[in-house]
Each structure stands twice: as structure tokens, then as C-alpha cells.
Amino acid sequence: MAQANQSRTETPVVVNLTGDAGVDSAGRIRDTLLAAVAGARDLTIDVSGLSFADIAFFQLLYSAMLSLEAAGGKLRIAGLGQSVAAEAAQACGFFEAAWFARLTGQEAGGGDARAAKAD
């Protein structure tokens, strides 16, 4: 079996998501995340431009995070603030989840991950 030799950039990559991030747009977002994960070690997903987010979106983020971590990389979420993604994450109880804390850079159950900002 042949193995692909993919090169990943050490330069931080930022993906700005806008519009709907629900189940109806999951395929588009999956393709965007797959392309970004394939080429980056340090990936930030900016969610400040989302108008809707649901659990399907967070499942995609979780999968992308695991893929990057398996390859020695890191995924972060930015623009959470008072965004619709923060509201959806709160409704799903993710602010208490350890995996979500890894995305926001906050301690699970400590601090306010909704206030996390991109630098």
C-alpha cells in the first residue's frame, strides 16, 4: 500500500467560517476542515462570522481536533465571545467538557471559555 507524503506548514493557518454551521452545511464545512487539517499543524477556526451552529458543527470540530492532535498539531477556536457558536456550545454543555477546553485554551469548568479571543 502506498503512503502519501503530505507536507504540513508550520505557519499558523486561520479558517474564517461564516453563515450556517448546521447539519445542512456539514458537508461543506467538513471539506473545508479536511483541507485545512491536511495542510496545517497549527489551525485556528474563527467562528465569529457564524449565524447558526449546532451539534453537527461541534462534531466536525472534535474530529478535526483529534486528527490534528494525532499528527502532532493543535486546533483552536477563536471568535467565540458572544457568538452563536458560544450559545450552541453552552446549550450542548460543552463549556464543561475537557475536549472543548482544549479548543478554547481554557480549563474545563474553570474560567469563561466564551471570553476566549484570538490573538
PDB file of N, CA and C in Angstrom:
ATOM      1  N   MET A   1       0.843  -1.166   0.000  1.00  0.00           N
ATOM      2  CA  MET A   1       0.000   0.000   0.000  1.00  0.00           C
ATOM      3  C   MET A   1       0.891   1.234   0.000  1.00  0.00           C
ATOM      4  N   ALA A   2       0.661   2.148  -0.910  1.00  0.00           N
ATOM      5  CA  ALA A   2       1.434   3.379  -0.996  1.00  0.00           C
ATOM      6  C   ALA A   2       0.953   4.365   0.054  1.00  0.00           C
ATOM      7  N   GLN A   3       1.903   5.111   0.605  1.00  0.00           N
ATOM      8  CA  GLN A   3       1.552   6.140   1.573  1.00  0.00           C
ATOM      9  C   GLN A   3       1.803   7.503   0.971  1.00  0.00           C
ATOM     10  N   ALA A   4       0.845   8.401   1.171  1.00  0.00           N
ATOM     11  CA  ALA A   4       1.011   9.774   0.693  1.00  0.00           C
ATOM     12  C   ALA A   4       1.938  10.495   1.650  1.00  0.00           C
ATOM     13  N   ASN A   5       2.833  11.277   1.123  1.00  0.00           N
ATOM     14  CA  ASN A   5       3.751  12.055   1.930  1.00  0.00           C
ATOM     15  C   ASN A   5       3.278  13.493   1.899  1.00  0.00           C
ATOM     16  N   GLN A   6       2.445  13.860   2.882  1.00  0.00           N
ATOM     17  CA  GLN A   6       1.892  15.207   2.906  1.00  0.00           C
ATOM     18  C   GLN A   6       2.770  16.129   3.713  1.00  0.00           C
ATOM     19  N   SER A   7       2.958  17.306   3.196  1.00  0.00           N
ATOM     20  CA  SER A   7       3.720  18.333   3.875  1.00  0.00           C
ATOM     21  C   SER A   7       2.756  19.255   4.610  1.00  0.00           C
ATOM     22  N   ARG A   8       3.037  19.507   5.869  1.00  0.00           N
ATOM     23  CA  ARG A   8       2.208  20.409   6.668  1.00  0.00           C
ATOM     24  C   ARG A   8       3.011  21.658   6.963  1.00  0.00           C
ATOM     25  N   THR A   9       2.372  22.794   6.829  1.00  0.00           N
ATOM     26  CA  THR A   9       3.035  24.054   7.089  1.00  0.00           C
ATOM     27  C   THR A   9       3.131  24.313   8.585  1.00  0.00           C
ATOM     28  N   GLU A  10       4.226  24.904   9.009  1.00  0.00           N
ATOM     29  CA  GLU A  10       4.408  25.295  10.407  1.00  0.00           C
ATOM     30  C   GLU A  10       3.778  26.661  10.660  1.00  0.00           C
ATOM     31  N   THR A  11       3.441  27.372   9.599  1.00  0.00           N
ATOM     32  CA  THR A  11       2.797  28.679   9.715  1.00  0.00           C
ATOM     33  C   THR A  11       1.366  28.484  10.201  1.00  0.00           C
ATOM     34  N   PRO A  12       0.965  29.243  11.230  1.00  0.00           N
ATOM     35  CA  PRO A  12      -0.420  29.114  11.698  1.00  0.00           C
ATOM     36  C   PRO A  12      -1.418  29.406  10.578  1.00  0.00           C
ATOM     37  N   VAL A  13      -2.450  28.586  10.494  1.00  0.00           N
ATOM     38  CA  VAL A  13      -3.497  28.740   9.485  1.00  0.00           C
ATOM     39  C   VAL A  13      -4.786  29.131  10.201  1.00  0.00           C
ATOM     40  N   VAL A  14      -5.487  30.135   9.655  1.00  0.00           N
ATOM     41  CA  VAL A  14      -6.762  30.562  10.213  1.00  0.00           C
ATOM     42  C   VAL A  14      -7.842  30.343   9.161  1.00  0.00           C
ATOM     43  N   VAL A  15      -8.917  29.668   9.575  1.00  0.00           N
ATOM     44  CA  VAL A  15     -10.078  29.466   8.712  1.00  0.00           C
ATOM     45  C   VAL A  15     -11.221  30.270   9.320  1.00  0.00           C
ATOM     46  N   ASN A  16     -11.744  31.217   8.542  1.00  0.00           N
ATOM     47  CA  ASN A  16     -12.873  32.032   8.983  1.00  0.00           C
ATOM     48  C   ASN A  16     -14.152  31.430   8.433  1.00  0.00           C
ATOM     49  N   LEU A  17     -14.988  30.923   9.342  1.00  0.00           N
ATOM     50  CA  LEU A  17     -16.265  30.348   8.929  1.00  0.00           C
ATOM     51  C   LEU A  17     -17.358  31.404   9.040  1.00  0.00           C
ATOM     52  N   THR A  18     -18.230  31.427   8.038  1.00  0.00           N
ATOM     53  CA  THR A  18     -19.343  32.373   8.055  1.00  0.00           C
ATOM     54  C   THR A  18     -20.626  31.642   7.698  1.00  0.00           C
ATOM     55  N   GLY A  19     -21.743  32.251   8.080  1.00  0.00           N
ATOM     56  CA  GLY A  19     -23.042  31.710   7.712  1.00  0.00           C
ATOM     57  C   GLY A  19     -23.466  30.559   8.603  1.00  0.00           C
ATOM     58  N   ASP A  20     -24.149  29.612   8.003  1.00  0.00           N
ATOM     59  CA  ASP A  20     -24.749  28.479   8.697  1.00  0.00           C
ATOM     60  C   ASP A  20     -23.724  27.378   8.930  1.00  0.00           C
ATOM     61  N   ALA A  21     -23.683  26.884  10.171  1.00  0.00           N
ATOM     62  CA  ALA A  21     -22.807  25.752  10.504  1.00  0.00           C
ATOM     63  C   ALA A  21     -23.649  24.662  11.152  1.00  0.00           C
ATOM     64  N   GLY A  22     -24.699  24.288  10.452  1.00  0.00           N
ATOM     65  CA  GLY A  22     -25.583  23.246  10.941  1.00  0.00           C
ATOM     66  C   GLY A  22     -25.479  22.004  10.099  1.00  0.00           C
ATOM     67  N   VAL A  23     -26.364  21.088  10.350  1.00  0.00           N
ATOM     68  CA  VAL A  23     -26.336  19.800   9.665  1.00  0.00           C
ATOM     69  C   VAL A  23     -26.457  19.968   8.147  1.00  0.00           C
ATOM     70  N   ASP A  24     -27.197  20.974   7.688  1.00  0.00           N
ATOM     71  CA  ASP A  24     -27.367  21.175   6.248  1.00  0.00           C
ATOM     72  C   ASP A  24     -26.082  21.618   5.553  1.00  0.00           C
ATOM     73  N   SER A  25     -25.170  22.220   6.291  1.00  0.00           N
ATOM     74  CA  SER A  25     -23.912  22.669   5.691  1.00  0.00           C
ATOM     75  C   SER A  25     -22.723  21.830   6.163  1.00  0.00           C
ATOM     76  N   ALA A  26     -22.985  20.731   6.831  1.00  0.00           N
ATOM     77  CA  ALA A  26     -21.917  19.899   7.391  1.00  0.00           C
ATOM     78  C   ALA A  26     -20.945  19.394   6.322  1.00  0.00           C
ATOM     79  N   GLY A  27     -21.432  19.029   5.162  1.00  0.00           N
ATOM     80  CA  GLY A  27     -20.554  18.537   4.098  1.00  0.00           C
ATOM     81  C   GLY A  27     -19.567  19.595   3.640  1.00  0.00           C
ATOM     82  N   ARG A  28     -20.037  20.803   3.473  1.00  0.00           N
ATOM     83  CA  ARG A  28     -19.169  21.919   3.052  1.00  0.00           C
ATOM     84  C   ARG A  28     -18.132  22.211   4.129  1.00  0.00           C
ATOM     85  N   ILE A  29     -18.570  22.252   5.375  1.00  0.00           N
ATOM     86  CA  ILE A  29     -17.644  22.537   6.470  1.00  0.00           C
ATOM     87  C   ILE A  29     -16.642  21.397   6.625  1.00  0.00           C
ATOM     88  N   ARG A  30     -17.100  20.161   6.500  1.00  0.00           N
ATOM     89  CA  ARG A  30     -16.198  19.011   6.570  1.00  0.00           C
ATOM     90  C   ARG A  30     -15.094  19.133   5.528  1.00  0.00           C
ATOM     91  N   ASP A  31     -15.468  19.454   4.298  1.00  0.00           N
ATOM     92  CA  ASP A  31     -14.477  19.591   3.231  1.00  0.00           C
ATOM     93  C   ASP A  31     -13.483  20.713   3.533  1.00  0.00           C
ATOM     94  N   THR A  32     -13.970  21.819   4.060  1.00  0.00           N
ATOM     95  CA  THR A  32     -13.108  22.944   4.429  1.00  0.00           C
ATOM     96  C   THR A  32     -12.131  22.535   5.522  1.00  0.00           C
ATOM     97  N   LEU A  33     -12.641  21.853   6.543  1.00  0.00           N
ATOM     98  CA  LEU A  33     -11.784  21.427   7.652  1.00  0.00           C
ATOM     99  C   LEU A  33     -10.783  20.362   7.215  1.00  0.00           C
ATOM    100  N   LEU A  34     -11.215  19.421   6.385  1.00  0.00           N
ATOM    101  CA  LEU A  34     -10.294  18.395   5.896  1.00  0.00           C
ATOM    102  C   LEU A  34      -9.124  19.014   5.147  1.00  0.00           C
ATOM    103  N   ALA A  35      -9.415  19.982   4.286  1.00  0.00           N
ATOM    104  CA  ALA A  35      -8.348  20.651   3.533  1.00  0.00           C
ATOM    105  C   ALA A  35      -7.411  21.406   4.466  1.00  0.00           C
ATOM    106  N   ALA A  36      -7.967  22.073   5.453  1.00  0.00           N
ATOM    107  CA  ALA A  36      -7.147  22.844   6.383  1.00  0.00           C
ATOM    108  C   ALA A  36      -6.293  21.923   7.258  1.00  0.00           C
ATOM    109  N   VAL A  37      -6.871  20.852   7.750  1.00  0.00           N
ATOM    110  CA  VAL A  37      -6.148  19.900   8.602  1.00  0.00           C
ATOM    111  C   VAL A  37      -5.022  19.235   7.827  1.00  0.00           C
ATOM    112  N   ALA A  38      -5.252  18.949   6.562  1.00  0.00           N
ATOM    113  CA  ALA A  38      -4.237  18.285   5.737  1.00  0.00           C
ATOM    114  C   ALA A  38      -2.997  19.144   5.542  1.00  0.00           C
ATOM    115  N   GLY A  39      -3.150  20.468   5.606  1.00  0.00           N
ATOM    116  CA  GLY A  39      -2.018  21.335   5.317  1.00  0.00           C
ATOM    117  C   GLY A  39      -1.465  22.106   6.487  1.00  0.00           C
ATOM    118  N   ALA A  40      -1.973  21.898   7.706  1.00  0.00           N
ATOM    119  CA  ALA A  40      -1.553  22.726   8.831  1.00  0.00           C
ATOM    120  C   ALA A  40      -1.192  21.894  10.047  1.00  0.00           C
ATOM    121  N   ARG A  41      -0.308  22.425  10.843  1.00  0.00           N
ATOM    122  CA  ARG A  41      -0.026  21.862  12.167  1.00  0.00           C
ATOM    123  C   ARG A  41      -0.703  22.716  13.238  1.00  0.00           C
ATOM    124  N   ASP A  42      -0.827  23.995  12.969  1.00  0.00           N
ATOM    125  CA  ASP A  42      -1.415  24.949  13.910  1.00  0.00           C
ATOM    126  C   ASP A  42      -2.595  25.596  13.203  1.00  0.00           C
ATOM    127  N   LEU A  43      -3.797  25.186  13.593  1.00  0.00           N
ATOM    128  CA  LEU A  43      -5.011  25.618  12.895  1.00  0.00           C
ATOM    129  C   LEU A  43      -5.960  26.314  13.860  1.00  0.00           C
ATOM    130  N   THR A  44      -6.424  27.483  13.463  1.00  0.00           N
ATOM    131  CA  THR A  44      -7.419  28.222  14.236  1.00  0.00           C
ATOM    132  C   THR A  44      -8.675  28.355  13.402  1.00  0.00           C
ATOM    133  N   ILE A  45      -9.811  28.029  14.001  1.00  0.00           N
ATOM    134  CA  ILE A  45     -11.110  28.193  13.348  1.00  0.00           C
ATOM    135  C   ILE A  45     -11.793  29.387  13.985  1.00  0.00           C
ATOM    136  N   ASP A  46     -12.024  30.435  13.203  1.00  0.00           N
ATOM    137  CA  ASP A  46     -12.702  31.635  13.697  1.00  0.00           C
ATOM    138  C   ASP A  46     -14.195  31.475  13.439  1.00  0.00           C
ATOM    139  N   VAL A  47     -14.976  31.479  14.510  1.00  0.00           N
ATOM    140  CA  VAL A  47     -16.423  31.249  14.415  1.00  0.00           C
ATOM    141  C   VAL A  47     -17.239  32.526  14.576  1.00  0.00           C
ATOM    142  N   SER A  48     -16.571  33.667  14.643  1.00  0.00           N
ATOM    143  CA  SER A  48     -17.285  34.926  14.900  1.00  0.00           C
ATOM    144  C   SER A  48     -18.271  35.288  13.795  1.00  0.00           C
ATOM    145  N   GLY A  49     -18.094  34.764  12.590  1.00  0.00           N
ATOM    146  CA  GLY A  49     -18.978  35.081  11.475  1.00  0.00           C
ATOM    147  C   GLY A  49     -20.131  34.105  11.281  1.00  0.00           C
ATOM    148  N   LEU A  50     -20.285  33.153  12.176  1.00  0.00           N
ATOM    149  CA  LEU A  50     -21.373  32.181  12.035  1.00  0.00           C
ATOM    150  C   LEU A  50     -22.712  32.795  12.439  1.00  0.00           C
ATOM    151  N   SER A  51     -23.738  32.457  11.680  1.00  0.00           N
ATOM    152  CA  SER A  51     -25.091  32.898  12.007  1.00  0.00           C
ATOM    153  C   SER A  51     -25.902  31.775  12.647  1.00  0.00           C
ATOM    154  N   PHE A  52     -25.380  30.549  12.603  1.00  0.00           N
ATOM    155  CA  PHE A  52     -26.045  29.392  13.197  1.00  0.00           C
ATOM    156  C   PHE A  52     -25.010  28.298  13.395  1.00  0.00           C
ATOM    157  N   ALA A  53     -25.128  27.568  14.501  1.00  0.00           N
ATOM    158  CA  ALA A  53     -24.270  26.412  14.755  1.00  0.00           C
ATOM    159  C   ALA A  53     -25.076  25.391  15.539  1.00  0.00           C
ATOM    160  N   ASP A  54     -24.826  24.120  15.267  1.00  0.00           N
ATOM    161  CA  ASP A  54     -25.490  23.064  16.024  1.00  0.00           C
ATOM    162  C   ASP A  54     -24.480  21.968  16.342  1.00  0.00           C
ATOM    163  N   ILE A  55     -24.953  20.892  16.908  1.00  0.00           N
ATOM    164  CA  ILE A  55     -24.064  19.829  17.365  1.00  0.00           C
ATOM    165  C   ILE A  55     -23.281  19.187  16.212  1.00  0.00           C
ATOM    166  N   ALA A  56     -23.832  19.188  15.018  1.00  0.00           N
ATOM    167  CA  ALA A  56     -23.102  18.640  13.860  1.00  0.00           C
ATOM    168  C   ALA A  56     -21.798  19.405  13.656  1.00  0.00           C
ATOM    169  N   PHE A  57     -21.834  20.712  13.830  1.00  0.00           N
ATOM    170  CA  PHE A  57     -20.641  21.544  13.696  1.00  0.00           C
ATOM    171  C   PHE A  57     -19.592  21.154  14.740  1.00  0.00           C
ATOM    172  N   PHE A  58     -20.026  20.971  15.977  1.00  0.00           N
ATOM    173  CA  PHE A  58     -19.084  20.623  17.032  1.00  0.00           C
ATOM    174  C   PHE A  58     -18.518  19.219  16.854  1.00  0.00           C
ATOM    175  N   GLN A  59     -19.281  18.332  16.259  1.00  0.00           N
ATOM    176  CA  GLN A  59     -18.761  17.007  15.937  1.00  0.00           C
ATOM    177  C   GLN A  59     -17.638  17.114  14.914  1.00  0.00           C
ATOM    178  N   LEU A  60     -17.800  17.998  13.945  1.00  0.00           N
ATOM    179  CA  LEU A  60     -16.754  18.215  12.946  1.00  0.00           C
ATOM    180  C   LEU A  60     -15.506  18.833  13.576  1.00  0.00           C
ATOM    181  N   LEU A  61     -15.698  19.800  14.482  1.00  0.00           N
ATOM    182  CA  LEU A  61     -14.554  20.401  15.170  1.00  0.00           C
ATOM    183  C   LEU A  61     -13.806  19.355  15.998  1.00  0.00           C
ATOM    184  N   TYR A  62     -14.558  18.518  16.689  1.00  0.00           N
ATOM    185  CA  TYR A  62     -13.949  17.478  17.513  1.00  0.00           C
ATOM    186  C   TYR A  62     -13.116  16.528  16.649  1.00  0.00           C
ATOM    187  N   SER A  63     -13.665  16.123  15.534  1.00  0.00           N
ATOM    188  CA  SER A  63     -12.958  15.230  14.619  1.00  0.00           C
ATOM    189  C   SER A  63     -11.686  15.890  14.078  1.00  0.00           C
ATOM    190  N   ALA A  64     -11.794  17.160  13.687  1.00  0.00           N
ATOM    191  CA  ALA A  64     -10.625  17.892  13.173  1.00  0.00           C
ATOM    192  C   ALA A  64      -9.562  18.020  14.262  1.00  0.00           C
ATOM    193  N   MET A  65      -9.991  18.283  15.490  1.00  0.00           N
ATOM    194  CA  MET A  65      -9.061  18.403  16.599  1.00  0.00           C
ATOM    195  C   MET A  65      -8.304  17.087  16.820  1.00  0.00           C
ATOM    196  N   LEU A  66      -9.033  15.972  16.827  1.00  0.00           N
ATOM    197  CA  LEU A  66      -8.388  14.671  17.011  1.00  0.00           C
ATOM    198  C   LEU A  66      -7.404  14.363  15.887  1.00  0.00           C
ATOM    199  N   SER A  67      -7.776  14.687  14.655  1.00  0.00           N
ATOM    200  CA  SER A  67      -6.891  14.447  13.507  1.00  0.00           C
ATOM    201  C   SER A  67      -5.609  15.255  13.630  1.00  0.00           C
ATOM    202  N   LEU A  68      -5.729  16.524  13.991  1.00  0.00           N
ATOM    203  CA  LEU A  68      -4.542  17.366  14.138  1.00  0.00           C
ATOM    204  C   LEU A  68      -3.669  16.894  15.293  1.00  0.00           C
ATOM    205  N   GLU A  69      -4.287  16.569  16.409  1.00  0.00           N
ATOM    206  CA  GLU A  69      -3.511  16.108  17.555  1.00  0.00           C
ATOM    207  C   GLU A  69      -2.782  14.804  17.246  1.00  0.00           C
ATOM    208  N   ALA A  70      -3.406  13.924  16.493  1.00  0.00           N
ATOM    209  CA  ALA A  70      -2.761  12.659  16.120  1.00  0.00           C
ATOM    210  C   ALA A  70      -1.523  12.897  15.257  1.00  0.00           C
ATOM    211  N   ALA A  71      -1.524  14.006  14.525  1.00  0.00           N
ATOM    212  CA  ALA A  71      -0.394  14.345  13.666  1.00  0.00           C
ATOM    213  C   ALA A  71       0.567  15.326  14.358  1.00  0.00           C
ATOM    214  N   GLY A  72       0.360  15.549  15.665  1.00  0.00           N
ATOM    215  CA  GLY A  72       1.246  16.440  16.402  1.00  0.00           C
ATOM    216  C   GLY A  72       0.876  17.902  16.298  1.00  0.00           C
ATOM    217  N   GLY A  73      -0.317  18.193  15.818  1.00  0.00           N
ATOM    218  CA  GLY A  73      -0.744  19.578  15.661  1.00  0.00           C
ATOM    219  C   GLY A  73      -1.711  20.021  16.732  1.00  0.00           C
ATOM    220  N   LYS A  74      -2.258  21.210  16.539  1.00  0.00           N
ATOM    221  CA  LYS A  74      -3.181  21.786  17.513  1.00  0.00           C
ATOM    222  C   LYS A  74      -4.268  22.564  16.786  1.00  0.00           C
ATOM    223  N   LEU A  75      -5.496  22.376  17.262  1.00  0.00           N
ATOM    224  CA  LEU A  75      -6.655  23.125  16.756  1.00  0.00           C
ATOM    225  C   LEU A  75      -7.154  24.040  17.856  1.00  0.00           C
ATOM    226  N   ARG A  76      -7.451  25.268  17.469  1.00  0.00           N
ATOM    227  CA  ARG A  76      -8.016  26.234  18.401  1.00  0.00           C
ATOM    228  C   ARG A  76      -9.273  26.822  17.782  1.00  0.00           C
ATOM    229  N   ILE A  77     -10.157  27.305  18.643  1.00  0.00           N
ATOM    230  CA  ILE A  77     -11.343  28.007  18.188  1.00  0.00           C
ATOM    231  C   ILE A  77     -11.197  29.462  18.639  1.00  0.00           C
ATOM    232  N   ALA A  78     -11.508  30.384  17.740  1.00  0.00           N
ATOM    233  CA  ALA A  78     -11.410  31.808  18.043  1.00  0.00           C
ATOM    234  C   ALA A  78     -12.735  32.486  17.707  1.00  0.00           C
ATOM    235  N   GLY A  79     -12.915  33.667  18.259  1.00  0.00           N
ATOM    236  CA  GLY A  79     -14.106  34.447  17.963  1.00  0.00           C
ATOM    237  C   GLY A  79     -15.340  33.944  18.669  1.00  0.00           C
ATOM    238  N   LEU A  80     -15.137  33.164  19.709  1.00  0.00           N
ATOM    239  CA  LEU A  80     -16.279  32.585  20.411  1.00  0.00           C
ATOM    240  C   LEU A  80     -17.099  33.680  21.084  1.00  0.00           C
ATOM    241  N   GLY A  81     -16.459  34.467  21.944  1.00  0.00           N
ATOM    242  CA  GLY A  81     -17.114  35.595  22.599  1.00  0.00           C
ATOM    243  C   GLY A  81     -18.596  35.372  22.846  1.00  0.00           C
ATOM    244  N   GLN A  82     -19.408  36.242  22.331  1.00  0.00           N
ATOM    245  CA  GLN A  82     -20.864  36.154  22.462  1.00  0.00           C
ATOM    246  C   GLN A  82     -21.494  35.641  21.168  1.00  0.00           C
ATOM    247  N   SER A  83     -20.781  34.841  20.438  1.00  0.00           N
ATOM    248  CA  SER A  83     -21.235  34.346  19.134  1.00  0.00           C
ATOM    249  C   SER A  83     -22.337  33.304  19.265  1.00  0.00           C
ATOM    250  N   VAL A  84     -22.977  33.015  18.139  1.00  0.00           N
ATOM    251  CA  VAL A  84     -23.986  31.950  18.127  1.00  0.00           C
ATOM    252  C   VAL A  84     -23.333  30.599  18.405  1.00  0.00           C
ATOM    253  N   ALA A  85     -22.059  30.457  18.064  1.00  0.00           N
ATOM    254  CA  ALA A  85     -21.351  29.214  18.373  1.00  0.00           C
ATOM    255  C   ALA A  85     -21.218  29.055  19.884  1.00  0.00           C
ATOM    256  N   ALA A  86     -20.989  30.149  20.600  1.00  0.00           N
ATOM    257  CA  ALA A  86     -20.914  30.086  22.060  1.00  0.00           C
ATOM    258  C   ALA A  86     -22.263  29.696  22.644  1.00  0.00           C
ATOM    259  N   GLU A  87     -23.328  30.251  22.098  1.00  0.00           N
ATOM    260  CA  GLU A  87     -24.675  29.902  22.570  1.00  0.00           C
ATOM    261  C   GLU A  87     -24.961  28.420  22.345  1.00  0.00           C
ATOM    262  N   ALA A  88     -24.596  27.918  21.171  1.00  0.00           N
ATOM    263  CA  ALA A  88     -24.810  26.499  20.866  1.00  0.00           C
ATOM    264  C   ALA A  88     -23.954  25.613  21.762  1.00  0.00           C
ATOM    265  N   ALA A  89     -22.703  26.001  21.972  1.00  0.00           N
ATOM    266  CA  ALA A  89     -21.818  25.223  22.839  1.00  0.00           C
ATOM    267  C   ALA A  89     -22.353  25.195  24.264  1.00  0.00           C
ATOM    268  N   GLN A  90     -22.871  26.320  24.715  1.00  0.00           N
ATOM    269  CA  GLN A  90     -23.450  26.388  26.053  1.00  0.00           C
ATOM    270  C   GLN A  90     -24.667  25.475  26.148  1.00  0.00           C
ATOM    271  N   ALA A  91     -25.528  25.520  25.141  1.00  0.00           N
ATOM    272  CA  ALA A  91     -26.735  24.685  25.136  1.00  0.00           C
ATOM    273  C   ALA A  91     -26.391  23.198  25.137  1.00  0.00           C
ATOM    274  N   CYS A  92     -25.277  22.834  24.508  1.00  0.00           N
ATOM    275  CA  CYS A  92     -24.853  21.433  24.452  1.00  0.00           C
ATOM    276  C   CYS A  92     -24.039  21.019  25.677  1.00  0.00           C
ATOM    277  N   GLY A  93     -23.711  21.966  26.539  1.00  0.00           N
ATOM    278  CA  GLY A  93     -22.931  21.664  27.740  1.00  0.00           C
ATOM    279  C   GLY A  93     -21.444  21.516  27.492  1.00  0.00           C
ATOM    280  N   PHE A  94     -20.944  22.035  26.377  1.00  0.00           N
ATOM    281  CA  PHE A  94     -19.540  21.826  26.021  1.00  0.00           C
ATOM    282  C   PHE A  94     -18.560  22.651  26.850  1.00  0.00           C
ATOM    283  N   PHE A  95     -19.010  23.719  27.502  1.00  0.00           N
ATOM    284  CA  PHE A  95     -18.081  24.524  28.288  1.00  0.00           C
ATOM    285  C   PHE A  95     -17.531  23.762  29.491  1.00  0.00           C
ATOM    286  N   GLU A  96     -18.113  22.652  29.828  1.00  0.00           N
ATOM    287  CA  GLU A  96     -17.625  21.806  30.919  1.00  0.00           C
ATOM    288  C   GLU A  96     -16.817  20.620  30.395  1.00  0.00           C
ATOM    289  N   ALA A  97     -16.698  20.477  29.100  1.00  0.00           N
ATOM    290  CA  ALA A  97     -16.013  19.321  28.502  1.00  0.00           C
ATOM    291  C   ALA A  97     -14.521  19.592  28.319  1.00  0.00           C
ATOM    292  N   ALA A  98     -13.708  18.631  28.692  1.00  0.00           N
ATOM    293  CA  ALA A  98     -12.256  18.777  28.578  1.00  0.00           C
ATOM    294  C   ALA A  98     -11.819  18.997  27.127  1.00  0.00           C
ATOM    295  N   TRP A  99     -12.432  18.302  26.180  1.00  0.00           N
ATOM    296  CA  TRP A  99     -12.030  18.470  24.774  1.00  0.00           C
ATOM    297  C   TRP A  99     -12.330  19.887  24.301  1.00  0.00           C
ATOM    298  N   PHE A 100     -13.426  20.476  24.756  1.00  0.00           N
ATOM    299  CA  PHE A 100     -13.773  21.831  24.345  1.00  0.00           C
ATOM    300  C   PHE A 100     -12.808  22.840  24.965  1.00  0.00           C
ATOM    301  N   ALA A 101     -12.380  22.552  26.189  1.00  0.00           N
ATOM    302  CA  ALA A 101     -11.393  23.416  26.837  1.00  0.00           C
ATOM    303  C   ALA A 101     -10.089  23.433  26.043  1.00  0.00           C
ATOM    304  N   ARG A 102      -9.726  22.302  25.437  1.00  0.00           N
ATOM    305  CA  ARG A 102      -8.519  22.271  24.598  1.00  0.00           C
ATOM    306  C   ARG A 102      -8.673  23.184  23.389  1.00  0.00           C
ATOM    307  N   LEU A 103      -9.880  23.269  22.848  1.00  0.00           N
ATOM    308  CA  LEU A 103     -10.116  24.145  21.693  1.00  0.00           C
ATOM    309  C   LEU A 103     -10.023  25.624  22.060  1.00  0.00           C
ATOM    310  N   THR A 104     -10.517  25.947  23.246  1.00  0.00           N
ATOM    311  CA  THR A 104     -10.586  27.357  23.651  1.00  0.00           C
ATOM    312  C   THR A 104      -9.372  27.815  24.435  1.00  0.00           C
ATOM    313  N   GLY A 105      -8.562  26.855  24.894  1.00  0.00           N
ATOM    314  CA  GLY A 105      -7.402  27.210  25.698  1.00  0.00           C
ATOM    315  C   GLY A 105      -7.762  27.492  27.146  1.00  0.00           C
ATOM    316  N   GLN A 106      -8.963  27.129  27.559  1.00  0.00           N
ATOM    317  CA  GLN A 106      -9.425  27.349  28.931  1.00  0.00           C
ATOM    318  C   GLN A 106      -9.436  26.023  29.678  1.00  0.00           C
ATOM    319  N   GLU A 107      -9.381  26.098  30.988  1.00  0.00           N
ATOM    320  CA  GLU A 107      -9.534  24.907  31.825  1.00  0.00           C
ATOM    321  C   GLU A 107     -10.989  24.459  31.770  1.00  0.00           C
ATOM    322  N   ALA A 108     -11.227  23.162  31.656  1.00  0.00           N
ATOM    323  CA  ALA A 108     -12.601  22.659  31.695  1.00  0.00           C
ATOM    324  C   ALA A 108     -13.215  23.003  33.046  1.00  0.00           C
ATOM    325  N   GLY A 109     -14.386  23.636  33.008  1.00  0.00           N
ATOM    326  CA  GLY A 109     -15.079  24.003  34.226  1.00  0.00           C
ATOM    327  C   GLY A 109     -14.486  25.210  34.922  1.00  0.00           C
ATOM    328  N   GLY A 110     -13.412  25.760  34.398  1.00  0.00           N
ATOM    329  CA  GLY A 110     -12.787  26.934  35.024  1.00  0.00           C
ATOM    330  C   GLY A 110     -12.638  28.029  34.012  1.00  0.00           C
ATOM    331  N   GLY A 111     -12.711  29.241  34.444  1.00  0.00           N
ATOM    332  CA  GLY A 111     -12.613  30.368  33.532  1.00  0.00           C
ATOM    333  C   GLY A 111     -13.863  30.448  32.684  1.00  0.00           C
ATOM    334  N   ASP A 112     -13.913  31.384  31.816  1.00  0.00           N
ATOM    335  CA  ASP A 112     -15.075  31.542  30.948  1.00  0.00           C
ATOM    336  C   ASP A 112     -14.607  31.400  29.508  1.00  0.00           C
ATOM    337  N   ALA A 113     -14.769  30.208  28.945  1.00  0.00           N
ATOM    338  CA  ALA A 113     -14.313  29.934  27.577  1.00  0.00           C
ATOM    339  C   ALA A 113     -15.006  30.830  26.575  1.00  0.00           C
ATOM    340  N   ARG A 114     -16.195  31.347  26.914  1.00  0.00           N
ATOM    341  CA  ARG A 114     -16.899  32.232  25.979  1.00  0.00           C
ATOM    342  C   ARG A 114     -16.133  33.524  25.754  1.00  0.00           C
ATOM    343  N   ALA A 115     -15.262  33.854  26.676  1.00  0.00           N
ATOM    344  CA  ALA A 115     -14.496  35.093  26.551  1.00  0.00           C
ATOM    345  C   ALA A 115     -13.180  34.876  25.795  1.00  0.00           C
ATOM    346  N   ALA A 116     -12.899  33.642  25.389  1.00  0.00           N
ATOM    347  CA  ALA A 116     -11.641  33.356  24.687  1.00  0.00           C
ATOM    348  C   ALA A 116     -11.596  34.137  23.378  1.00  0.00           C
ATOM    349  N   LYS A 117     -10.456  34.739  23.115  1.00  0.00           N
ATOM    350  CA  LYS A 117     -10.298  35.562  21.922  1.00  0.00           C
ATOM    351  C   LYS A 117      -9.080  35.103  21.142  1.00  0.00           C
ATOM    352  N   ALA A 118      -9.106  35.332  19.859  1.00  0.00           N
ATOM    353  CA  ALA A 118      -7.946  35.011  19.013  1.00  0.00           C
ATOM    354  C   ALA A 118      -6.913  36.117  19.152  1.00  0.00           C
ATOM    355  N   ASP A 119      -5.659  35.750  19.195  1.00  0.00           N
ATOM    356  CA  ASP A 119      -4.592  36.748  19.221  1.00  0.00           C
ATOM    357  C   ASP A 119      -3.968  36.859  17.864  1.00  0.00           C
TER     358      ASP A 119
END
